[in-house]
Amino acid sequence: MPSRLGTKIRDLRKKQGLTLDKLAEKAGLSKSYLWELENRESQKPSAEKLQALADALSVDMSYFLEEDKRDPEERHLDEAFFRGYRQLDATGKEQLRRILETFKKS
């Protein structure tokens, strides 16, 4: 069974249209090692290998270490939304909460 790390690597790789071969080449890792990371629970890559993968996939290495399962783009959009929400006055926040409740009901 794949680990959370393996799932994150595979999801990003596929989203970017990369094969195992291509990602392995970009990260300077072997295809078999990358397959092991994606598919086995027991793999614990070094910080250097994790950084190489992060660079190859254009994400911050912290993405692989966090519990958050959202992809980096979704996290970025969510964080921007909440920054905007915090800047609203009380009336704006209440209006947005009402809109959200409407969406939750439908």
N, C-alpha and C. Protein backbone atom coordinates (compact mmCIF):
# COMPACT_ATOMS: atom_id res chain seq x y z
N MET A 1 0.85 -1.18 0.00
CA MET A 1 0.00 0.00 0.00
C MET A 1 0.89 1.24 0.00
N PRO A 2 0.57 2.23 -0.84
CA PRO A 2 1.41 3.43 -0.90
C PRO A 2 1.26 4.29 0.35
N SER A 3 2.31 4.99 0.67
CA SER A 3 2.29 5.93 1.79
C SER A 3 1.66 7.24 1.34
N ARG A 4 1.41 8.12 2.29
CA ARG A 4 0.90 9.46 1.96
C ARG A 4 1.88 10.16 1.03
N LEU A 5 3.18 10.02 1.31
CA LEU A 5 4.21 10.60 0.47
C LEU A 5 4.12 10.04 -0.95
N GLY A 6 4.02 8.73 -1.06
CA GLY A 6 3.93 8.10 -2.37
C GLY A 6 2.73 8.57 -3.17
N THR A 7 1.61 8.71 -2.49
CA THR A 7 0.39 9.18 -3.14
C THR A 7 0.57 10.61 -3.64
N LYS A 8 1.18 11.46 -2.83
CA LYS A 8 1.41 12.85 -3.23
C LYS A 8 2.34 12.92 -4.44
N ILE A 9 3.40 12.13 -4.43
CA ILE A 9 4.33 12.12 -5.56
C ILE A 9 3.62 11.67 -6.83
N ARG A 10 2.91 10.56 -6.75
CA ARG A 10 2.21 10.01 -7.92
C ARG A 10 1.17 11.00 -8.44
N ASP A 11 0.38 11.60 -7.55
CA ASP A 11 -0.65 12.54 -7.98
C ASP A 11 -0.05 13.74 -8.70
N LEU A 12 1.02 14.30 -8.14
CA LEU A 12 1.67 15.44 -8.79
C LEU A 12 2.29 15.04 -10.13
N ARG A 13 2.93 13.88 -10.14
CA ARG A 13 3.57 13.41 -11.38
C ARG A 13 2.54 13.27 -12.48
N LYS A 14 1.42 12.63 -12.17
CA LYS A 14 0.39 12.43 -13.18
C LYS A 14 -0.26 13.74 -13.59
N LYS A 15 -0.49 14.62 -12.64
CA LYS A 15 -1.09 15.92 -12.95
C LYS A 15 -0.21 16.70 -13.92
N GLN A 16 1.09 16.53 -13.79
CA GLN A 16 2.03 17.23 -14.66
C GLN A 16 2.34 16.45 -15.94
N GLY A 17 1.70 15.30 -16.09
CA GLY A 17 1.87 14.52 -17.31
C GLY A 17 3.24 13.86 -17.43
N LEU A 18 3.85 13.54 -16.30
CA LEU A 18 5.18 12.93 -16.31
C LEU A 18 5.08 11.42 -16.13
N THR A 19 5.90 10.70 -16.83
CA THR A 19 6.03 9.27 -16.61
C THR A 19 7.01 9.05 -15.47
N LEU A 20 7.07 7.83 -14.97
CA LEU A 20 8.08 7.50 -13.96
C LEU A 20 9.47 7.78 -14.50
N ASP A 21 9.70 7.39 -15.77
CA ASP A 21 11.01 7.60 -16.39
C ASP A 21 11.38 9.08 -16.42
N LYS A 22 10.45 9.91 -16.84
CA LYS A 22 10.74 11.34 -16.99
C LYS A 22 10.99 11.99 -15.63
N LEU A 23 10.15 11.68 -14.63
CA LEU A 23 10.37 12.25 -13.31
C LEU A 23 11.68 11.76 -12.71
N ALA A 24 11.98 10.50 -12.88
CA ALA A 24 13.24 9.95 -12.37
C ALA A 24 14.43 10.70 -12.99
N GLU A 25 14.34 10.95 -14.29
CA GLU A 25 15.40 11.68 -14.98
C GLU A 25 15.52 13.11 -14.45
N LYS A 26 14.39 13.81 -14.31
CA LYS A 26 14.41 15.19 -13.82
C LYS A 26 14.95 15.29 -12.40
N ALA A 27 14.64 14.29 -11.57
CA ALA A 27 15.06 14.32 -10.16
C ALA A 27 16.42 13.67 -9.93
N GLY A 28 16.96 13.02 -10.95
CA GLY A 28 18.26 12.36 -10.78
C GLY A 28 18.16 11.10 -9.93
N LEU A 29 17.01 10.43 -10.00
CA LEU A 29 16.77 9.20 -9.24
C LEU A 29 16.52 8.06 -10.21
N SER A 30 16.59 6.84 -9.72
CA SER A 30 16.29 5.71 -10.59
C SER A 30 14.77 5.51 -10.66
N LYS A 31 14.34 4.97 -11.78
CA LYS A 31 12.91 4.70 -11.97
C LYS A 31 12.43 3.70 -10.92
N SER A 32 13.24 2.70 -10.62
CA SER A 32 12.82 1.69 -9.64
C SER A 32 12.68 2.29 -8.24
N TYR A 33 13.58 3.22 -7.88
CA TYR A 33 13.47 3.87 -6.57
C TYR A 33 12.21 4.71 -6.50
N LEU A 34 11.93 5.44 -7.57
CA LEU A 34 10.73 6.26 -7.63
C LEU A 34 9.47 5.39 -7.54
N TRP A 35 9.48 4.26 -8.22
CA TRP A 35 8.35 3.33 -8.15
C TRP A 35 8.16 2.87 -6.71
N GLU A 36 9.26 2.54 -6.04
CA GLU A 36 9.19 2.12 -4.64
C GLU A 36 8.59 3.23 -3.76
N LEU A 37 9.01 4.47 -3.97
CA LEU A 37 8.46 5.59 -3.20
C LEU A 37 6.95 5.70 -3.40
N GLU A 38 6.51 5.54 -4.64
CA GLU A 38 5.09 5.69 -4.95
C GLU A 38 4.25 4.52 -4.46
N ASN A 39 4.83 3.35 -4.35
CA ASN A 39 4.01 2.15 -4.13
C ASN A 39 4.26 1.38 -2.84
N ARG A 40 5.29 1.69 -2.11
CA ARG A 40 5.60 0.96 -0.89
C ARG A 40 5.51 1.88 0.32
N GLU A 41 5.04 1.34 1.41
CA GLU A 41 4.89 2.10 2.65
C GLU A 41 6.22 2.38 3.33
N SER A 42 7.18 1.49 3.20
CA SER A 42 8.39 1.53 4.03
C SER A 42 9.46 2.51 3.58
N GLN A 43 9.32 3.12 2.42
CA GLN A 43 10.38 3.99 1.91
C GLN A 43 10.47 5.30 2.69
N LYS A 44 11.68 5.65 3.10
CA LYS A 44 11.95 6.90 3.82
C LYS A 44 13.10 7.61 3.10
N PRO A 45 12.77 8.48 2.15
CA PRO A 45 13.84 9.12 1.37
C PRO A 45 14.62 10.13 2.20
N SER A 46 15.86 10.34 1.82
CA SER A 46 16.70 11.35 2.49
C SER A 46 16.18 12.73 2.11
N ALA A 47 16.62 13.72 2.87
CA ALA A 47 16.23 15.11 2.59
C ALA A 47 16.70 15.52 1.19
N GLU A 48 17.87 15.05 0.79
CA GLU A 48 18.40 15.39 -0.53
C GLU A 48 17.51 14.83 -1.64
N LYS A 49 17.06 13.60 -1.49
CA LYS A 49 16.21 12.99 -2.51
C LYS A 49 14.83 13.65 -2.53
N LEU A 50 14.32 13.97 -1.36
CA LEU A 50 13.04 14.65 -1.28
C LEU A 50 13.12 16.04 -1.92
N GLN A 51 14.23 16.74 -1.70
CA GLN A 51 14.42 18.06 -2.32
C GLN A 51 14.53 17.93 -3.84
N ALA A 52 15.20 16.90 -4.31
CA ALA A 52 15.32 16.69 -5.75
C ALA A 52 13.94 16.45 -6.37
N LEU A 53 13.10 15.67 -5.69
CA LEU A 53 11.74 15.45 -6.17
C LEU A 53 10.92 16.73 -6.14
N ALA A 54 11.05 17.49 -5.06
CA ALA A 54 10.33 18.75 -4.96
C ALA A 54 10.73 19.69 -6.09
N ASP A 55 12.02 19.79 -6.37
CA ASP A 55 12.49 20.64 -7.46
C ASP A 55 11.95 20.16 -8.80
N ALA A 56 12.00 18.86 -9.03
CA ALA A 56 11.54 18.29 -10.29
C ALA A 56 10.03 18.50 -10.49
N LEU A 57 9.28 18.53 -9.39
CA LEU A 57 7.83 18.70 -9.46
C LEU A 57 7.39 20.14 -9.20
N SER A 58 8.34 21.03 -9.01
CA SER A 58 8.08 22.47 -8.80
C SER A 58 7.18 22.74 -7.59
N VAL A 59 7.50 22.09 -6.48
CA VAL A 59 6.79 22.35 -5.23
C VAL A 59 7.82 22.54 -4.12
N ASP A 60 7.37 23.11 -3.03
CA ASP A 60 8.23 23.24 -1.86
C ASP A 60 8.32 21.87 -1.19
N MET A 61 9.48 21.53 -0.68
CA MET A 61 9.66 20.22 -0.05
C MET A 61 8.68 20.01 1.10
N SER A 62 8.28 21.08 1.77
CA SER A 62 7.36 20.96 2.90
C SER A 62 6.03 20.32 2.49
N TYR A 63 5.65 20.45 1.22
CA TYR A 63 4.41 19.83 0.72
C TYR A 63 4.40 18.33 1.00
N PHE A 64 5.54 17.68 0.85
CA PHE A 64 5.62 16.24 1.06
C PHE A 64 5.54 15.86 2.54
N LEU A 65 5.89 16.77 3.43
CA LEU A 65 5.97 16.46 4.85
C LEU A 65 4.69 16.79 5.62
N GLU A 66 3.84 17.62 5.05
CA GLU A 66 2.63 18.04 5.74
C GLU A 66 1.51 17.01 5.60
N GLU A 67 0.60 17.03 6.55
CA GLU A 67 -0.56 16.15 6.51
C GLU A 67 -1.57 16.58 5.46
N ASP A 68 -1.56 17.85 5.10
CA ASP A 68 -2.50 18.41 4.14
C ASP A 68 -2.42 17.66 2.82
N LYS A 69 -3.54 17.15 2.35
CA LYS A 69 -3.54 16.33 1.14
C LYS A 69 -3.92 17.12 -0.11
N ARG A 70 -4.31 18.39 0.05
CA ARG A 70 -4.64 19.20 -1.12
C ARG A 70 -3.39 19.43 -1.96
N ASP A 71 -3.60 19.52 -3.28
CA ASP A 71 -2.42 19.79 -4.10
C ASP A 71 -2.00 21.25 -3.90
N PRO A 72 -0.77 21.56 -4.25
CA PRO A 72 -0.24 22.91 -3.96
C PRO A 72 -1.08 24.03 -4.58
N GLU A 73 -1.60 23.84 -5.77
CA GLU A 73 -2.39 24.88 -6.42
C GLU A 73 -3.68 25.15 -5.65
N GLU A 74 -4.34 24.08 -5.20
CA GLU A 74 -5.57 24.24 -4.43
C GLU A 74 -5.28 24.93 -3.09
N ARG A 75 -4.20 24.53 -2.45
CA ARG A 75 -3.83 25.17 -1.18
C ARG A 75 -3.58 26.65 -1.37
N HIS A 76 -2.90 26.99 -2.46
CA HIS A 76 -2.60 28.40 -2.74
C HIS A 76 -3.90 29.19 -2.92
N LEU A 77 -4.85 28.65 -3.66
CA LEU A 77 -6.13 29.32 -3.87
C LEU A 77 -6.90 29.47 -2.56
N ASP A 78 -6.91 28.42 -1.75
CA ASP A 78 -7.60 28.49 -0.45
C ASP A 78 -6.98 29.55 0.45
N GLU A 79 -5.66 29.59 0.50
CA GLU A 79 -4.98 30.56 1.35
C GLU A 79 -5.26 31.99 0.87
N ALA A 80 -5.29 32.20 -0.44
CA ALA A 80 -5.61 33.53 -0.98
C ALA A 80 -7.04 33.92 -0.62
N PHE A 81 -7.96 32.96 -0.70
CA PHE A 81 -9.35 33.24 -0.34
C PHE A 81 -9.45 33.68 1.12
N PHE A 82 -8.79 32.95 2.01
CA PHE A 82 -8.87 33.27 3.44
C PHE A 82 -8.17 34.59 3.77
N ARG A 83 -7.11 34.91 3.04
CA ARG A 83 -6.49 36.23 3.24
C ARG A 83 -7.48 37.33 2.87
N GLY A 84 -8.20 37.14 1.76
CA GLY A 84 -9.22 38.10 1.34
C GLY A 84 -10.36 38.19 2.34
N TYR A 85 -10.77 37.04 2.86
CA TYR A 85 -11.85 37.01 3.85
C TYR A 85 -11.46 37.80 5.10
N ARG A 86 -10.25 37.61 5.56
CA ARG A 86 -9.80 38.31 6.78
C ARG A 86 -9.78 39.82 6.59
N GLN A 87 -9.66 40.29 5.37
CA GLN A 87 -9.61 41.72 5.11
C GLN A 87 -11.00 42.35 5.00
N LEU A 88 -12.04 41.53 4.93
CA LEU A 88 -13.41 42.05 4.84
C LEU A 88 -13.85 42.66 6.17
N ASP A 89 -14.77 43.61 6.08
CA ASP A 89 -15.37 44.13 7.31
C ASP A 89 -16.43 43.14 7.79
N ALA A 90 -17.02 43.39 8.93
CA ALA A 90 -17.98 42.45 9.53
C ALA A 90 -19.16 42.18 8.60
N THR A 91 -19.65 43.20 7.92
CA THR A 91 -20.79 43.03 7.01
C THR A 91 -20.42 42.12 5.84
N GLY A 92 -19.27 42.34 5.26
CA GLY A 92 -18.81 41.51 4.15
C GLY A 92 -18.63 40.06 4.56
N LYS A 93 -18.08 39.84 5.74
CA LYS A 93 -17.90 38.47 6.23
C LYS A 93 -19.25 37.79 6.42
N GLU A 94 -20.22 38.51 6.97
CA GLU A 94 -21.55 37.93 7.18
C GLU A 94 -22.21 37.59 5.84
N GLN A 95 -22.07 38.45 4.85
CA GLN A 95 -22.63 38.18 3.53
C GLN A 95 -22.00 36.93 2.92
N LEU A 96 -20.71 36.81 3.06
CA LEU A 96 -20.02 35.64 2.52
C LEU A 96 -20.44 34.36 3.25
N ARG A 97 -20.63 34.43 4.55
CA ARG A 97 -21.10 33.25 5.30
C ARG A 97 -22.49 32.83 4.83
N ARG A 98 -23.37 33.79 4.55
CA ARG A 98 -24.72 33.48 4.05
C ARG A 98 -24.65 32.82 2.66
N ILE A 99 -23.78 33.34 1.82
CA ILE A 99 -23.60 32.73 0.49
C ILE A 99 -23.14 31.29 0.64
N LEU A 100 -22.19 31.06 1.52
CA LEU A 100 -21.69 29.71 1.75
C LEU A 100 -22.80 28.79 2.23
N GLU A 101 -23.64 29.25 3.15
CA GLU A 101 -24.74 28.44 3.64
C GLU A 101 -25.70 28.08 2.50
N THR A 102 -25.93 29.00 1.58
CA THR A 102 -26.79 28.73 0.42
C THR A 102 -26.21 27.61 -0.42
N PHE A 103 -24.89 27.63 -0.65
CA PHE A 103 -24.25 26.58 -1.43
C PHE A 103 -24.30 25.24 -0.71
N LYS A 104 -24.16 25.25 0.59
CA LYS A 104 -24.18 24.00 1.36
C LYS A 104 -25.55 23.34 1.31
N LYS A 105 -26.62 24.14 1.19
CA LYS A 105 -27.98 23.60 1.15
C LYS A 105 -28.35 23.02 -0.20
N SER A 106 -27.69 23.47 -1.24
CA SER A 106 -28.06 22.99 -2.58
C SER A 106 -27.25 21.80 -3.03
